[in-house]
């Protein structure tokens, strides 16, 4: 059995908003937040040793849905902290939540969640998430 590292339940990642994330309105484009959600989810999963599980189970994660609530705009060169955590683990799906905060004034910019599905690489069909995953992440 492949093991999952038990770590802090909230993963933190900081980034400086690059010029390429800015839209015609002069603030971070909505699509950039979706990309950052995916990127930080992967970083967190890697930090837990999750890629070993993916390989051992011959599985991958795919997004079923994203939900984002935009609260305040963010601008080029601002430093943003992204917080993410796994909210729940069900049979073949898991919900991950996110918060985006501007560090200069501690303002919450956006919050969101992604419903991820554990997929068998060969069949393309959902596969049960190993029980120890939820136990180690959710305690």
Protein backbone atom coordinates (compact mmCIF):
# COMPACT_ATOMS: atom_id res chain seq x y z
CA UNK A 1 0.00 0.00 0.00
CA UNK A 2 1.28 3.46 -0.89
CA UNK A 3 1.27 5.85 2.05
CA UNK A 4 0.00 9.38 2.17
CA UNK A 5 2.00 11.80 4.28
CA UNK A 6 -0.06 13.26 7.08
CA UNK A 7 0.57 17.01 6.97
CA UNK A 8 -1.11 20.21 7.94
CA UNK A 9 -4.63 20.24 6.56
CA UNK A 10 -4.28 23.73 5.07
CA UNK A 11 -1.69 24.28 2.35
CA UNK A 12 -0.35 27.81 1.80
CA UNK A 13 1.16 29.14 -1.40
CA UNK A 14 2.19 32.69 -2.27
CA UNK A 15 2.50 34.22 -5.70
CA UNK A 16 3.13 37.64 -7.18
CA UNK A 17 0.51 38.52 -9.78
CA UNK A 18 2.23 38.47 -13.19
CA UNK A 19 1.38 40.86 -16.02
CA UNK A 20 0.01 37.96 -18.10
CA UNK A 21 -2.78 37.45 -15.50
CA UNK A 22 -4.16 40.96 -16.04
CA UNK A 23 -7.20 41.44 -18.27
CA UNK A 24 -8.56 44.38 -20.26
CA UNK A 25 -10.09 45.82 -17.08
CA UNK A 26 -6.67 46.12 -15.45
CA UNK A 27 -7.14 43.43 -12.81
CA UNK A 28 -6.61 39.68 -12.53
CA UNK A 29 -8.60 37.81 -15.15
CA UNK A 30 -11.18 35.35 -13.83
CA UNK A 31 -9.53 32.51 -15.73
CA UNK A 32 -6.26 33.08 -13.83
CA UNK A 33 -7.98 32.13 -10.58
CA UNK A 34 -9.09 28.79 -12.07
CA UNK A 35 -5.53 28.11 -13.22
CA UNK A 36 -4.16 28.99 -9.78
CA UNK A 37 -6.75 26.70 -8.15
CA UNK A 38 -5.55 23.81 -10.27
CA UNK A 39 -1.88 24.65 -9.75
CA UNK A 40 -2.12 24.90 -5.96
CA UNK A 41 -4.21 21.71 -5.77
CA UNK A 42 -1.42 19.85 -7.57
CA UNK A 43 1.26 21.38 -5.34
CA UNK A 44 -0.65 20.38 -2.22
CA UNK A 45 -1.29 16.84 -3.48
CA UNK A 46 2.40 16.48 -4.37
CA UNK A 47 3.41 17.70 -0.88
CA UNK A 48 1.28 14.94 0.63
CA UNK A 49 2.91 12.26 -1.52
CA UNK A 50 -0.26 11.92 -3.54
CA UNK A 51 1.46 11.43 -6.88
CA UNK A 52 2.76 8.08 -5.59
CA UNK A 53 -0.85 7.09 -4.92
CA UNK A 54 -1.90 8.19 -8.39
CA UNK A 55 0.84 6.06 -9.95
CA UNK A 56 0.20 3.04 -7.71
CA UNK A 57 -3.54 3.16 -8.39
CA UNK A 58 -3.06 4.06 -12.10
CA UNK A 59 -5.38 7.01 -11.53
CA UNK A 60 -5.57 10.75 -11.95
CA UNK A 61 -7.82 13.56 -10.78
CA UNK A 62 -10.14 15.47 -13.08
CA UNK A 63 -12.24 18.51 -12.24
CA UNK A 64 -15.99 17.95 -12.29
CA UNK A 65 -16.83 21.55 -11.45
CA UNK A 66 -15.31 24.80 -10.20
CA UNK A 67 -17.09 27.48 -8.23
CA UNK A 68 -15.52 30.86 -7.54
CA UNK A 69 -16.84 33.89 -5.72
CA UNK A 70 -14.93 37.07 -6.56
CA UNK A 71 -14.92 39.57 -3.70
CA UNK A 72 -12.27 42.17 -4.58
CA UNK A 73 -9.98 42.80 -7.56
CA UNK A 74 -6.27 41.97 -7.55
CA UNK A 75 -3.64 43.81 -9.59
CA UNK A 76 -0.25 43.23 -11.16
CA UNK A 77 2.66 42.78 -8.75
CA UNK A 78 0.46 42.25 -5.70
CA UNK A 79 1.42 39.29 -3.51
CA UNK A 80 -1.43 36.86 -3.01
CA UNK A 81 -1.57 34.00 -0.54
CA UNK A 82 -3.63 31.03 -1.64
CA UNK A 83 -4.96 28.71 1.06
CA UNK A 84 -6.32 25.32 0.05
CA UNK A 85 -7.59 22.30 1.90
CA UNK A 86 -9.56 19.16 1.20
CA UNK A 87 -13.02 19.64 2.63
CA UNK A 88 -14.31 16.11 2.12
CA UNK A 89 -13.50 12.79 0.54
CA UNK A 90 -16.34 10.63 -0.72
CA UNK A 91 -16.39 7.39 -2.68
CA UNK A 92 -14.94 8.67 -5.98
CA UNK A 93 -15.03 12.45 -5.43
CA UNK A 94 -13.39 15.03 -3.24
CA UNK A 95 -14.15 18.70 -2.68
CA UNK A 96 -11.22 21.07 -2.29
CA UNK A 97 -11.67 24.63 -1.08
CA UNK A 98 -9.58 27.74 -1.73
CA UNK A 99 -9.14 31.26 -0.39
CA UNK A 100 -7.17 34.04 -2.09
CA UNK A 101 -5.90 36.81 0.18
CA UNK A 102 -3.90 39.94 -0.67
CA UNK A 103 -1.04 40.10 1.82
CA UNK A 104 -0.53 43.89 1.80
CA UNK A 105 -3.91 44.59 3.43
CA UNK A 106 -5.05 41.09 4.47
CA UNK A 107 -8.14 41.37 2.24
CA UNK A 108 -9.96 38.26 1.04
CA UNK A 109 -10.09 38.55 -2.76
CA UNK A 110 -11.88 35.37 -3.74
CA UNK A 111 -12.92 31.98 -2.47
CA UNK A 112 -13.82 28.87 -4.33
CA UNK A 113 -14.04 25.13 -4.50
CA UNK A 114 -13.44 22.35 -6.97
CA UNK A 115 -15.22 19.02 -7.07
CA UNK A 116 -12.50 16.54 -8.12
CA UNK A 117 -13.14 12.99 -9.38
CA UNK A 118 -10.63 10.13 -9.01
CA UNK A 119 -10.37 8.52 -12.47
CA UNK A 120 -8.83 5.23 -13.65
CA UNK A 121 -6.33 6.19 -16.37
CA UNK A 122 -7.03 3.15 -18.57
CA UNK A 123 -10.82 3.10 -18.47
CA UNK A 124 -11.47 6.79 -17.96
CA UNK A 125 -14.08 5.85 -15.37
CA UNK A 126 -14.33 6.97 -11.74
CA UNK A 127 -12.55 4.72 -9.26
CA UNK A 128 -13.01 4.56 -5.47
CA UNK A 129 -10.55 6.74 -3.57
CA UNK A 130 -8.42 4.57 -1.26
CA UNK A 131 -9.80 4.79 2.29
CA UNK A 132 -6.51 5.82 3.84
CA UNK A 133 -6.54 9.01 1.75
CA UNK A 134 -9.50 10.49 3.59
CA UNK A 135 -8.29 9.18 6.96
CA UNK A 136 -4.91 10.86 6.61
CA UNK A 137 -6.18 14.14 5.19
CA UNK A 138 -9.28 14.66 7.27
CA UNK A 139 -7.97 12.97 10.39
